[in-house]
Each structure stands twice: as C-alpha cells, then as structure tokens.
Amino acid sequence: MAFKEKATVEGSAVFYKVNEQAKKYTLKDNGFIETNSGNFQFIRPLDATPQSKEGFKLKITIAEDLKTLKMSVTTANGLKAMNIFKSESHAMSQEKFYFLMDGMISRGVLEKA
C-alpha cells in the first residue's frame, strides 16, 4: 500500500490527512513510533482487551515528510487487511476506530479530508 495525501480504512467513507501543524514530537507524544526507515507508525487494538490475540488492529503509518500516510485495519497478527464496516457484528470495533480517530483529530495529528 502506497502513501497518499489522504487515506481511509477499507469500508469507511471518512478520509483523513495529516494535519499541517503536526510535527515529529506531536506524533511521538500521541503513540507513534519512529521506524528504522524514518516513518512513524501507530498500532492499536480495536477490541475490548488489548492483550487479546484475536480481534482487529488499527495501523496508521505517516511518511517521514509528514505529508502522506497510509492506514488499515488488520487481523490481530497484522497480516491481512479487514473491513470492519461490512458487518454489524463489528460495531464495537467501529466505535473504537472512530474514537481513536477523533482523538487524533483533537490532538492535531490528523484532520478529516
């Protein structure tokens, strides 16, 4: 998956982009980890128990230039992209996804595109 100016997860109609005011320390303060390649990655579980080996994970990667990003919801092992919006049985994961995204917006990391 390539980095883009605006991105969303599979099944979601809401697109996000990196806030122009975001700096490297903003990302680090909000749980992003700098990778060996200089990008910033955020990974959080979308289920009730963070220690669970099942469920879904939200992955957001922001490029080193802080202008482009990519994001996905994956299986617990992170190998397969999933669509949590195709079934009502994933309502809790959808709610947690939007909660995390709203937090990123309110802290100046992302904005709706």
PDB file of N, CA and C in Angstrom:
ATOM      1  N   MET A   1       0.844  -1.170   0.000  1.00  0.00           N
ATOM      2  CA  MET A   1       0.000   0.000   0.000  1.00  0.00           C
ATOM      3  C   MET A   1       0.897   1.244   0.000  1.00  0.00           C
ATOM      4  N   ALA A   2       0.650   2.135  -0.916  1.00  0.00           N
ATOM      5  CA  ALA A   2       1.469   3.330  -1.072  1.00  0.00           C
ATOM      6  C   ALA A   2       0.967   4.464  -0.182  1.00  0.00           C
ATOM      7  N   PHE A   3       1.868   5.367   0.140  1.00  0.00           N
ATOM      8  CA  PHE A   3       1.492   6.550   0.909  1.00  0.00           C
ATOM      9  C   PHE A   3       0.691   7.494   0.023  1.00  0.00           C
ATOM     10  N   LYS A   4      -0.340   8.114   0.605  1.00  0.00           N
ATOM     11  CA  LYS A   4      -1.189   9.042  -0.137  1.00  0.00           C
ATOM     12  C   LYS A   4      -1.455  10.282   0.696  1.00  0.00           C
ATOM     13  N   GLU A   5      -1.886  11.353   0.019  1.00  0.00           N
ATOM     14  CA  GLU A   5      -2.220  12.610   0.709  1.00  0.00           C
ATOM     15  C   GLU A   5      -3.371  12.416   1.686  1.00  0.00           C
ATOM     16  N   LYS A   6      -4.372  11.612   1.276  1.00  0.00           N
ATOM     17  CA  LYS A   6      -5.485  11.302   2.173  1.00  0.00           C
ATOM     18  C   LYS A   6      -5.751   9.811   2.105  1.00  0.00           C
ATOM     19  N   ALA A   7      -6.176   9.258   3.250  1.00  0.00           N
ATOM     20  CA  ALA A   7      -6.365   7.806   3.326  1.00  0.00           C
ATOM     21  C   ALA A   7      -7.537   7.478   4.241  1.00  0.00           C
ATOM     22  N   THR A   8      -8.015   6.260   4.112  1.00  0.00           N
ATOM     23  CA  THR A   8      -9.051   5.732   4.985  1.00  0.00           C
ATOM     24  C   THR A   8      -8.849   4.232   5.095  1.00  0.00           C
ATOM     25  N   VAL A   9      -9.582   3.620   6.010  1.00  0.00           N
ATOM     26  CA  VAL A   9      -9.517   2.165   6.111  1.00  0.00           C
ATOM     27  C   VAL A   9     -10.590   1.575   5.211  1.00  0.00           C
ATOM     28  N   GLU A  10     -10.422   0.324   4.852  1.00  0.00           N
ATOM     29  CA  GLU A  10     -11.366  -0.353   3.966  1.00  0.00           C
ATOM     30  C   GLU A  10     -12.779  -0.321   4.546  1.00  0.00           C
ATOM     31  N   GLY A  11     -13.726   0.165   3.749  1.00  0.00           N
ATOM     32  CA  GLY A  11     -15.124   0.199   4.154  1.00  0.00           C
ATOM     33  C   GLY A  11     -15.588   1.508   4.748  1.00  0.00           C
ATOM     34  N   SER A  12     -14.683   2.356   5.171  1.00  0.00           N
ATOM     35  CA  SER A  12     -15.054   3.643   5.783  1.00  0.00           C
ATOM     36  C   SER A  12     -15.191   4.707   4.707  1.00  0.00           C
ATOM     37  N   ALA A  13     -16.175   5.583   4.881  1.00  0.00           N
ATOM     38  CA  ALA A  13     -16.383   6.667   3.923  1.00  0.00           C
ATOM     39  C   ALA A  13     -15.628   7.933   4.316  1.00  0.00           C
ATOM     40  N   VAL A  14     -15.045   7.947   5.509  1.00  0.00           N
ATOM     41  CA  VAL A  14     -14.359   9.136   6.014  1.00  0.00           C
ATOM     42  C   VAL A  14     -12.871   9.044   5.686  1.00  0.00           C
ATOM     43  N   PHE A  15     -12.353  10.081   5.023  1.00  0.00           N
ATOM     44  CA  PHE A  15     -10.932  10.143   4.684  1.00  0.00           C
ATOM     45  C   PHE A  15     -10.217  11.080   5.648  1.00  0.00           C
ATOM     46  N   TYR A  16      -8.965  10.779   5.894  1.00  0.00           N
ATOM     47  CA  TYR A  16      -8.150  11.568   6.813  1.00  0.00           C
ATOM     48  C   TYR A  16      -6.860  11.981   6.122  1.00  0.00           C
ATOM     49  N   LYS A  17      -6.295  13.086   6.568  1.00  0.00           N
ATOM     50  CA  LYS A  17      -4.984  13.514   6.085  1.00  0.00           C
ATOM     51  C   LYS A  17      -4.188  14.027   7.280  1.00  0.00           C
ATOM     52  N   VAL A  18      -2.875  14.150   7.103  1.00  0.00           N
ATOM     53  CA  VAL A  18      -2.010  14.616   8.171  1.00  0.00           C
ATOM     54  C   VAL A  18      -2.248  16.114   8.368  1.00  0.00           C
ATOM     55  N   ASN A  19      -2.427  16.512   9.614  1.00  0.00           N
ATOM     56  CA  ASN A  19      -2.606  17.928   9.940  1.00  0.00           C
ATOM     57  C   ASN A  19      -1.325  18.677   9.584  1.00  0.00           C
ATOM     58  N   GLU A  20      -1.467  19.815   8.934  1.00  0.00           N
ATOM     59  CA  GLU A  20      -0.305  20.598   8.506  1.00  0.00           C
ATOM     60  C   GLU A  20       0.526  21.080   9.691  1.00  0.00           C
ATOM     61  N   GLN A  21      -0.094  21.203  10.869  1.00  0.00           N
ATOM     62  CA  GLN A  21       0.606  21.678  12.060  1.00  0.00           C
ATOM     63  C   GLN A  21       1.347  20.559  12.795  1.00  0.00           C
ATOM     64  N   ALA A  22       1.151  19.310  12.396  1.00  0.00           N
ATOM     65  CA  ALA A  22       1.761  18.170  13.090  1.00  0.00           C
ATOM     66  C   ALA A  22       3.276  18.165  12.904  1.00  0.00           C
ATOM     67  N   LYS A  23       3.957  17.915  13.982  1.00  0.00           N
ATOM     68  CA  LYS A  23       5.421  17.812  13.977  1.00  0.00           C
ATOM     69  C   LYS A  23       5.799  16.417  14.458  1.00  0.00           C
ATOM     70  N   LYS A  24       7.079  16.082  14.358  1.00  0.00           N
ATOM     71  CA  LYS A  24       7.539  14.758  14.784  1.00  0.00           C
ATOM     72  C   LYS A  24       7.239  14.521  16.259  1.00  0.00           C
ATOM     73  N   TYR A  25       7.454  15.527  17.095  1.00  0.00           N
ATOM     74  CA  TYR A  25       7.179  15.351  18.524  1.00  0.00           C
ATOM     75  C   TYR A  25       5.687  15.194  18.790  1.00  0.00           C
ATOM     76  N   THR A  26       4.824  15.794  17.941  1.00  0.00           N
ATOM     77  CA  THR A  26       3.379  15.607  18.088  1.00  0.00           C
ATOM     78  C   THR A  26       3.025  14.146  17.890  1.00  0.00           C
ATOM     79  N   LEU A  27       3.621  13.536  16.877  1.00  0.00           N
ATOM     80  CA  LEU A  27       3.362  12.129  16.605  1.00  0.00           C
ATOM     81  C   LEU A  27       3.861  11.250  17.751  1.00  0.00           C
ATOM     82  N   LYS A  28       5.069  11.503  18.215  1.00  0.00           N
ATOM     83  CA  LYS A  28       5.628  10.698  19.303  1.00  0.00           C
ATOM     84  C   LYS A  28       4.800  10.852  20.581  1.00  0.00           C
ATOM     85  N   ASP A  29       4.334  12.050  20.870  1.00  0.00           N
ATOM     86  CA  ASP A  29       3.510  12.295  22.057  1.00  0.00           C
ATOM     87  C   ASP A  29       2.177  11.565  21.989  1.00  0.00           C
ATOM     88  N   ASN A  30       1.743  11.192  20.790  1.00  0.00           N
ATOM     89  CA  ASN A  30       0.451  10.535  20.610  1.00  0.00           C
ATOM     90  C   ASN A  30       0.572   9.052  20.278  1.00  0.00           C
ATOM     91  N   GLY A  31       1.687   8.447  20.617  1.00  0.00           N
ATOM     92  CA  GLY A  31       1.812   6.997  20.500  1.00  0.00           C
ATOM     93  C   GLY A  31       2.436   6.480  19.222  1.00  0.00           C
ATOM     94  N   PHE A  32       2.883   7.367  18.346  1.00  0.00           N
ATOM     95  CA  PHE A  32       3.554   6.916  17.127  1.00  0.00           C
ATOM     96  C   PHE A  32       4.999   6.554  17.467  1.00  0.00           C
ATOM     97  N   ILE A  33       5.500   5.528  16.805  1.00  0.00           N
ATOM     98  CA  ILE A  33       6.878   5.090  16.996  1.00  0.00           C
ATOM     99  C   ILE A  33       7.619   5.291  15.682  1.00  0.00           C
ATOM    100  N   GLU A  34       8.815   5.876  15.768  1.00  0.00           N
ATOM    101  CA  GLU A  34       9.609   6.095  14.556  1.00  0.00           C
ATOM    102  C   GLU A  34      10.232   4.776  14.127  1.00  0.00           C
ATOM    103  N   THR A  35      10.023   4.421  12.859  1.00  0.00           N
ATOM    104  CA  THR A  35      10.568   3.179  12.330  1.00  0.00           C
ATOM    105  C   THR A  35      12.006   3.395  11.860  1.00  0.00           C
ATOM    106  N   ASN A  36      12.680   2.314  11.511  1.00  0.00           N
ATOM    107  CA  ASN A  36      14.064   2.408  11.024  1.00  0.00           C
ATOM    108  C   ASN A  36      14.164   3.233   9.751  1.00  0.00           C
ATOM    109  N   SER A  37      13.081   3.243   8.954  1.00  0.00           N
ATOM    110  CA  SER A  37      13.094   3.996   7.693  1.00  0.00           C
ATOM    111  C   SER A  37      12.722   5.462   7.890  1.00  0.00           C
ATOM    112  N   GLY A  38      12.425   5.872   9.118  1.00  0.00           N
ATOM    113  CA  GLY A  38      12.110   7.272   9.389  1.00  0.00           C
ATOM    114  C   GLY A  38      10.623   7.592   9.381  1.00  0.00           C
ATOM    115  N   ASN A  39       9.795   6.616   9.032  1.00  0.00           N
ATOM    116  CA  ASN A  39       8.347   6.824   9.071  1.00  0.00           C
ATOM    117  C   ASN A  39       7.854   6.709  10.508  1.00  0.00           C
ATOM    118  N   PHE A  40       6.605   7.080  10.730  1.00  0.00           N
ATOM    119  CA  PHE A  40       6.011   7.000  12.062  1.00  0.00           C
ATOM    120  C   PHE A  40       4.819   6.060  12.015  1.00  0.00           C
ATOM    121  N   GLN A  41       4.800   5.080  12.930  1.00  0.00           N
ATOM    122  CA  GLN A  41       3.753   4.054  12.898  1.00  0.00           C
ATOM    123  C   GLN A  41       2.998   4.018  14.223  1.00  0.00           C
ATOM    124  N   PHE A  42       1.664   3.888  14.102  1.00  0.00           N
ATOM    125  CA  PHE A  42       0.755   3.805  15.241  1.00  0.00           C
ATOM    126  C   PHE A  42      -0.034   2.510  15.095  1.00  0.00           C
ATOM    127  N   ILE A  43       0.018   1.651  16.085  1.00  0.00           N
ATOM    128  CA  ILE A  43      -0.725   0.388  16.055  1.00  0.00           C
ATOM    129  C   ILE A  43      -1.483   0.251  17.367  1.00  0.00           C
ATOM    130  N   ARG A  44      -2.811   0.082  17.261  1.00  0.00           N
ATOM    131  CA  ARG A  44      -3.654  -0.088  18.447  1.00  0.00           C
ATOM    132  C   ARG A  44      -4.693  -1.166  18.188  1.00  0.00           C
ATOM    133  N   PRO A  45      -4.978  -1.999  19.200  1.00  0.00           N
ATOM    134  CA  PRO A  45      -6.047  -2.994  19.059  1.00  0.00           C
ATOM    135  C   PRO A  45      -7.419  -2.325  19.083  1.00  0.00           C
ATOM    136  N   LEU A  46      -8.363  -2.911  18.380  1.00  0.00           N
ATOM    137  CA  LEU A  46      -9.726  -2.368  18.342  1.00  0.00           C
ATOM    138  C   LEU A  46     -10.711  -3.253  19.104  1.00  0.00           C
ATOM    139  N   ASP A  47     -10.211  -4.059  20.016  1.00  0.00           N
ATOM    140  CA  ASP A  47     -11.122  -4.890  20.808  1.00  0.00           C
ATOM    141  C   ASP A  47     -11.054  -4.473  22.272  1.00  0.00           C
ATOM    142  N   ALA A  48     -11.876  -5.092  23.097  1.00  0.00           N
ATOM    143  CA  ALA A  48     -12.009  -4.685  24.491  1.00  0.00           C
ATOM    144  C   ALA A  48     -10.764  -4.994  25.326  1.00  0.00           C
ATOM    145  N   THR A  49     -10.067  -6.063  25.005  1.00  0.00           N
ATOM    146  CA  THR A  49      -8.902  -6.440  25.792  1.00  0.00           C
ATOM    147  C   THR A  49      -7.637  -6.312  24.955  1.00  0.00           C
ATOM    148  N   PRO A  50      -6.787  -5.364  25.287  1.00  0.00           N
ATOM    149  CA  PRO A  50      -5.571  -5.132  24.499  1.00  0.00           C
ATOM    150  C   PRO A  50      -4.632  -6.333  24.437  1.00  0.00           C
ATOM    151  N   GLN A  51      -4.676  -7.234  25.429  1.00  0.00           N
ATOM    152  CA  GLN A  51      -3.789  -8.385  25.428  1.00  0.00           C
ATOM    153  C   GLN A  51      -4.309  -9.525  24.558  1.00  0.00           C
ATOM    154  N   SER A  52      -5.504  -9.368  24.017  1.00  0.00           N
ATOM    155  CA  SER A  52      -6.131 -10.428  23.235  1.00  0.00           C
ATOM    156  C   SER A  52      -5.329 -10.745  21.979  1.00  0.00           C
ATOM    157  N   LYS A  53      -5.284 -12.029  21.656  1.00  0.00           N
ATOM    158  CA  LYS A  53      -4.606 -12.468  20.432  1.00  0.00           C
ATOM    159  C   LYS A  53      -5.583 -12.511  19.258  1.00  0.00           C
ATOM    160  N   GLU A  54      -6.822 -12.137  19.505  1.00  0.00           N
ATOM    161  CA  GLU A  54      -7.842 -12.101  18.463  1.00  0.00           C
ATOM    162  C   GLU A  54      -8.298 -10.654  18.290  1.00  0.00           C
ATOM    163  N   GLY A  55      -9.176 -10.437  17.332  1.00  0.00           N
ATOM    164  CA  GLY A  55      -9.682  -9.090  17.119  1.00  0.00           C
ATOM    165  C   GLY A  55      -8.961  -8.398  15.982  1.00  0.00           C
ATOM    166  N   PHE A  56      -9.062  -7.079  15.969  1.00  0.00           N
ATOM    167  CA  PHE A  56      -8.504  -6.275  14.881  1.00  0.00           C
ATOM    168  C   PHE A  56      -7.532  -5.247  15.436  1.00  0.00           C
ATOM    169  N   LYS A  57      -6.624  -4.787  14.572  1.00  0.00           N
ATOM    170  CA  LYS A  57      -5.684  -3.736  14.933  1.00  0.00           C
ATOM    171  C   LYS A  57      -5.790  -2.603  13.920  1.00  0.00           C
ATOM    172  N   LEU A  58      -5.707  -1.387  14.419  1.00  0.00           N
ATOM    173  CA  LEU A  58      -5.627  -0.204  13.569  1.00  0.00           C
ATOM    174  C   LEU A  58      -4.160   0.117  13.362  1.00  0.00           C
ATOM    175  N   LYS A  59      -3.758   0.244  12.094  1.00  0.00           N
ATOM    176  CA  LYS A  59      -2.385   0.614  11.754  1.00  0.00           C
ATOM    177  C   LYS A  59      -2.408   1.906  10.953  1.00  0.00           C
ATOM    178  N   ILE A  60      -1.686   2.898  11.446  1.00  0.00           N
ATOM    179  CA  ILE A  60      -1.528   4.161  10.721  1.00  0.00           C
ATOM    180  C   ILE A  60      -0.034   4.399  10.564  1.00  0.00           C
ATOM    181  N   THR A  61       0.398   4.655   9.344  1.00  0.00           N
ATOM    182  CA  THR A  61       1.800   4.967   9.092  1.00  0.00           C
ATOM    183  C   THR A  61       1.866   6.313   8.389  1.00  0.00           C
ATOM    184  N   ILE A  62       2.625   7.228   8.972  1.00  0.00           N
ATOM    185  CA  ILE A  62       2.828   8.554   8.385  1.00  0.00           C
ATOM    186  C   ILE A  62       4.252   8.620   7.864  1.00  0.00           C
ATOM    187  N   ALA A  63       4.384   9.084   6.629  1.00  0.00           N
ATOM    188  CA  ALA A  63       5.698   9.136   5.983  1.00  0.00           C
ATOM    189  C   ALA A  63       6.613  10.129   6.680  1.00  0.00           C
ATOM    190  N   GLU A  64       7.885   9.950   6.459  1.00  0.00           N
ATOM    191  CA  GLU A  64       8.924  10.774   7.074  1.00  0.00           C
ATOM    192  C   GLU A  64       8.716  12.269   6.810  1.00  0.00           C
ATOM    193  N   ASP A  65       8.160  12.608   5.643  1.00  0.00           N
ATOM    194  CA  ASP A  65       7.954  14.027   5.295  1.00  0.00           C
ATOM    195  C   ASP A  65       6.739  14.649   6.000  1.00  0.00           C
ATOM    196  N   LEU A  66       5.963  13.841   6.733  1.00  0.00           N
ATOM    197  CA  LEU A  66       4.772  14.281   7.477  1.00  0.00           C
ATOM    198  C   LEU A  66       3.689  14.872   6.573  1.00  0.00           C
ATOM    199  N   LYS A  67       3.659  14.435   5.310  1.00  0.00           N
ATOM    200  CA  LYS A  67       2.641  14.922   4.373  1.00  0.00           C
ATOM    201  C   LYS A  67       1.726  13.818   3.867  1.00  0.00           C
ATOM    202  N   THR A  68       2.192  12.584   3.860  1.00  0.00           N
ATOM    203  CA  THR A  68       1.406  11.473   3.334  1.00  0.00           C
ATOM    204  C   THR A  68       1.275  10.377   4.395  1.00  0.00           C
ATOM    205  N   LEU A  69       0.250   9.546   4.214  1.00  0.00           N
ATOM    206  CA  LEU A  69       0.002   8.482   5.173  1.00  0.00           C
ATOM    207  C   LEU A  69      -0.655   7.295   4.506  1.00  0.00           C
ATOM    208  N   LYS A  70      -0.713   6.203   5.249  1.00  0.00           N
ATOM    209  CA  LYS A  70      -1.496   5.037   4.852  1.00  0.00           C
ATOM    210  C   LYS A  70      -2.065   4.448   6.137  1.00  0.00           C
ATOM    211  N   MET A  71      -3.224   3.830   6.006  1.00  0.00           N
ATOM    212  CA  MET A  71      -3.858   3.264   7.185  1.00  0.00           C
ATOM    213  C   MET A  71      -4.671   2.040   6.815  1.00  0.00           C
ATOM    214  N   SER A  72      -4.822   1.139   7.792  1.00  0.00           N
ATOM    215  CA  SER A  72      -5.600  -0.069   7.567  1.00  0.00           C
ATOM    216  C   SER A  72      -6.023  -0.661   8.898  1.00  0.00           C
ATOM    217  N   VAL A  73      -7.050  -1.494   8.828  1.00  0.00           N
ATOM    218  CA  VAL A  73      -7.447  -2.327   9.953  1.00  0.00           C
ATOM    219  C   VAL A  73      -7.070  -3.742   9.556  1.00  0.00           C
ATOM    220  N   THR A  74      -6.318  -4.407  10.426  1.00  0.00           N
ATOM    221  CA  THR A  74      -5.810  -5.732  10.097  1.00  0.00           C
ATOM    222  C   THR A  74      -6.272  -6.767  11.125  1.00  0.00           C
ATOM    223  N   THR A  75      -6.011  -8.015  10.801  1.00  0.00           N
ATOM    224  CA  THR A  75      -6.235  -9.090  11.764  1.00  0.00           C
ATOM    225  C   THR A  75      -5.260  -8.890  12.923  1.00  0.00           C
ATOM    226  N   ALA A  76      -5.448  -9.633  13.995  1.00  0.00           N
ATOM    227  CA  ALA A  76      -4.615  -9.470  15.190  1.00  0.00           C
ATOM    228  C   ALA A  76      -3.131  -9.668  14.911  1.00  0.00           C
ATOM    229  N   ASN A  77      -2.804 -10.549  13.963  1.00  0.00           N
ATOM    230  CA  ASN A  77      -1.389 -10.765  13.648  1.00  0.00           C
ATOM    231  C   ASN A  77      -0.850  -9.732  12.659  1.00  0.00           C
ATOM    232  N   GLY A  78      -1.718  -8.871  12.142  1.00  0.00           N
ATOM    233  CA  GLY A  78      -1.290  -7.783  11.267  1.00  0.00           C
ATOM    234  C   GLY A  78      -1.025  -8.160   9.831  1.00  0.00           C
ATOM    235  N   LEU A  79      -1.382  -9.375   9.428  1.00  0.00           N
ATOM    236  CA  LEU A  79      -1.032  -9.831   8.086  1.00  0.00           C
ATOM    237  C   LEU A  79      -2.099  -9.598   7.025  1.00  0.00           C
ATOM    238  N   LYS A  80      -3.358  -9.481   7.439  1.00  0.00           N
ATOM    239  CA  LYS A  80      -4.432  -9.365   6.453  1.00  0.00           C
ATOM    240  C   LYS A  80      -5.320  -8.165   6.760  1.00  0.00           C
ATOM    241  N   ALA A  81      -5.557  -7.330   5.750  1.00  0.00           N
ATOM    242  CA  ALA A  81      -6.447  -6.172   5.921  1.00  0.00           C
ATOM    243  C   ALA A  81      -7.891  -6.649   6.040  1.00  0.00           C
ATOM    244  N   MET A  82      -8.651  -6.006   6.904  1.00  0.00           N
ATOM    245  CA  MET A  82     -10.037  -6.391   7.158  1.00  0.00           C
ATOM    246  C   MET A  82     -10.969  -5.193   6.966  1.00  0.00           C
ATOM    247  N   ASN A  83     -12.232  -5.497   6.674  1.00  0.00           N
ATOM    248  CA  ASN A  83     -13.261  -4.470   6.559  1.00  0.00           C
ATOM    249  C   ASN A  83     -14.205  -4.635   7.748  1.00  0.00           C
ATOM    250  N   ILE A  84     -14.051  -3.786   8.762  1.00  0.00           N
ATOM    251  CA  ILE A  84     -14.895  -3.888   9.956  1.00  0.00           C
ATOM    252  C   ILE A  84     -16.251  -3.229   9.751  1.00  0.00           C
ATOM    253  N   PHE A  85     -16.457  -2.601   8.602  1.00  0.00           N
ATOM    254  CA  PHE A  85     -17.698  -1.876   8.348  1.00  0.00           C
ATOM    255  C   PHE A  85     -18.720  -2.692   7.560  1.00  0.00           C
ATOM    256  N   LYS A  86     -18.385  -3.913   7.184  1.00  0.00           N
ATOM    257  CA  LYS A  86     -19.311  -4.706   6.378  1.00  0.00           C
ATOM    258  C   LYS A  86     -20.310  -5.485   7.223  1.00  0.00           C
ATOM    259  N   SER A  87     -20.104  -5.529   8.530  1.00  0.00           N
ATOM    260  CA  SER A  87     -20.988  -6.315   9.386  1.00  0.00           C
ATOM    261  C   SER A  87     -21.288  -5.566  10.678  1.00  0.00           C
ATOM    262  N   GLU A  88     -22.534  -5.649  11.114  1.00  0.00           N
ATOM    263  CA  GLU A  88     -22.921  -5.027  12.378  1.00  0.00           C
ATOM    264  C   GLU A  88     -22.298  -5.738  13.576  1.00  0.00           C
ATOM    265  N   SER A  89     -21.799  -6.942  13.382  1.00  0.00           N
ATOM    266  CA  SER A  89     -21.176  -7.676  14.490  1.00  0.00           C
ATOM    267  C   SER A  89     -19.867  -7.025  14.939  1.00  0.00           C
ATOM    268  N   HIS A  90     -19.342  -6.109  14.142  1.00  0.00           N
ATOM    269  CA  HIS A  90     -18.106  -5.406  14.489  1.00  0.00           C
ATOM    270  C   HIS A  90     -18.386  -3.984  14.972  1.00  0.00           C
ATOM    271  N   ALA A  91     -19.563  -3.742  15.503  1.00  0.00           N
ATOM    272  CA  ALA A  91     -19.963  -2.391  15.915  1.00  0.00           C
ATOM    273  C   ALA A  91     -19.011  -1.815  16.961  1.00  0.00           C
ATOM    274  N   MET A  92     -18.556  -2.638  17.903  1.00  0.00           N
ATOM    275  CA  MET A  92     -17.643  -2.143  18.934  1.00  0.00           C
ATOM    276  C   MET A  92     -16.300  -1.724  18.322  1.00  0.00           C
ATOM    277  N   SER A  93     -15.802  -2.496  17.370  1.00  0.00           N
ATOM    278  CA  SER A  93     -14.549  -2.140  16.697  1.00  0.00           C
ATOM    279  C   SER A  93     -14.709  -0.851  15.903  1.00  0.00           C
ATOM    280  N   GLN A  94     -15.860  -0.673  15.256  1.00  0.00           N
ATOM    281  CA  GLN A  94     -16.132   0.560  14.515  1.00  0.00           C
ATOM    282  C   GLN A  94     -16.140   1.755  15.461  1.00  0.00           C
ATOM    283  N   GLU A  95     -16.799   1.582  16.606  1.00  0.00           N
ATOM    284  CA  GLU A  95     -16.882   2.666  17.589  1.00  0.00           C
ATOM    285  C   GLU A  95     -15.488   3.030  18.113  1.00  0.00           C
ATOM    286  N   LYS A  96     -14.670   2.038  18.412  1.00  0.00           N
ATOM    287  CA  LYS A  96     -13.320   2.305  18.902  1.00  0.00           C
ATOM    288  C   LYS A  96     -12.464   2.956  17.818  1.00  0.00           C
ATOM    289  N   PHE A  97     -12.644   2.532  16.569  1.00  0.00           N
ATOM    290  CA  PHE A  97     -11.911   3.155  15.459  1.00  0.00           C
ATOM    291  C   PHE A  97     -12.211   4.650  15.407  1.00  0.00           C
ATOM    292  N   TYR A  98     -13.494   5.010  15.413  1.00  0.00           N
ATOM    293  CA  TYR A  98     -13.865   6.433  15.348  1.00  0.00           C
ATOM    294  C   TYR A  98     -13.419   7.188  16.593  1.00  0.00           C
ATOM    295  N   PHE A  99     -13.420   6.532  17.746  1.00  0.00           N
ATOM    296  CA  PHE A  99     -12.934   7.161  18.972  1.00  0.00           C
ATOM    297  C   PHE A  99     -11.447   7.503  18.840  1.00  0.00           C
ATOM    298  N   LEU A 100     -10.649   6.549  18.364  1.00  0.00           N
ATOM    299  CA  LEU A 100      -9.218   6.787  18.168  1.00  0.00           C
ATOM    300  C   LEU A 100      -8.965   7.886  17.142  1.00  0.00           C
ATOM    301  N   MET A 101      -9.736   7.868  16.063  1.00  0.00           N
ATOM    302  CA  MET A 101      -9.543   8.872  15.019  1.00  0.00           C
ATOM    303  C   MET A 101      -9.933  10.267  15.521  1.00  0.00           C
ATOM    304  N   ASP A 102     -11.028  10.359  16.282  1.00  0.00           N
ATOM    305  CA  ASP A 102     -11.429  11.651  16.854  1.00  0.00           C
ATOM    306  C   ASP A 102     -10.347  12.176  17.795  1.00  0.00           C
ATOM    307  N   GLY A 103      -9.708  11.276  18.544  1.00  0.00           N
ATOM    308  CA  GLY A 103      -8.609  11.673  19.418  1.00  0.00           C
ATOM    309  C   GLY A 103      -7.437  12.223  18.628  1.00  0.00           C
ATOM    310  N   MET A 104      -7.125  11.599  17.501  1.00  0.00           N
ATOM    311  CA  MET A 104      -6.035  12.085  16.649  1.00  0.00           C
ATOM    312  C   MET A 104      -6.356  13.466  16.078  1.00  0.00           C
ATOM    313  N   ILE A 105      -7.615  13.688  15.752  1.00  0.00           N
ATOM    314  CA  ILE A 105      -8.033  14.986  15.221  1.00  0.00           C
ATOM    315  C   ILE A 105      -7.937  16.055  16.313  1.00  0.00           C
ATOM    316  N   SER A 106      -8.448  15.750  17.500  1.00  0.00           N
ATOM    317  CA  SER A 106      -8.452  16.739  18.573  1.00  0.00           C
ATOM    318  C   SER A 106      -7.044  17.090  19.061  1.00  0.00           C
ATOM    319  N   ARG A 107      -6.088  16.173  18.865  1.00  0.00           N
ATOM    320  CA  ARG A 107      -4.709  16.440  19.282  1.00  0.00           C
ATOM    321  C   ARG A 107      -3.844  17.023  18.161  1.00  0.00           C
ATOM    322  N   GLY A 108      -4.440  17.292  17.014  1.00  0.00           N
ATOM    323  CA  GLY A 108      -3.712  17.940  15.933  1.00  0.00           C
ATOM    324  C   GLY A 108      -2.819  17.042  15.105  1.00  0.00           C
ATOM    325  N   VAL A 109      -3.029  15.740  15.173  1.00  0.00           N
ATOM    326  CA  VAL A 109      -2.230  14.810  14.360  1.00  0.00           C
ATOM    327  C   VAL A 109      -2.840  14.662  12.974  1.00  0.00           C
ATOM    328  N   LEU A 110      -4.148  14.404  12.927  1.00  0.00           N
ATOM    329  CA  LEU A 110      -4.865  14.201  11.668  1.00  0.00           C
ATOM    330  C   LEU A 110      -6.001  15.205  11.541  1.00  0.00           C
ATOM    331  N   GLU A 111      -6.545  15.289  10.340  1.00  0.00           N
ATOM    332  CA  GLU A 111      -7.768  16.062  10.098  1.00  0.00           C
ATOM    333  C   GLU A 111      -8.561  15.346   9.027  1.00  0.00           C
ATOM    334  N   LYS A 112      -9.876  15.601   9.036  1.00  0.00           N
ATOM    335  CA  LYS A 112     -10.715  14.976   8.007  1.00  0.00           C
ATOM    336  C   LYS A 112     -10.437  15.647   6.671  1.00  0.00           C
ATOM    337  N   ALA A 113     -10.378  14.823   5.626  1.00  0.00           N
ATOM    338  CA  ALA A 113     -10.060  15.358   4.292  1.00  0.00           C
ATOM    339  C   ALA A 113     -11.329  15.502   3.471  1.00  0.00           C
TER     340      ALA A 113
END
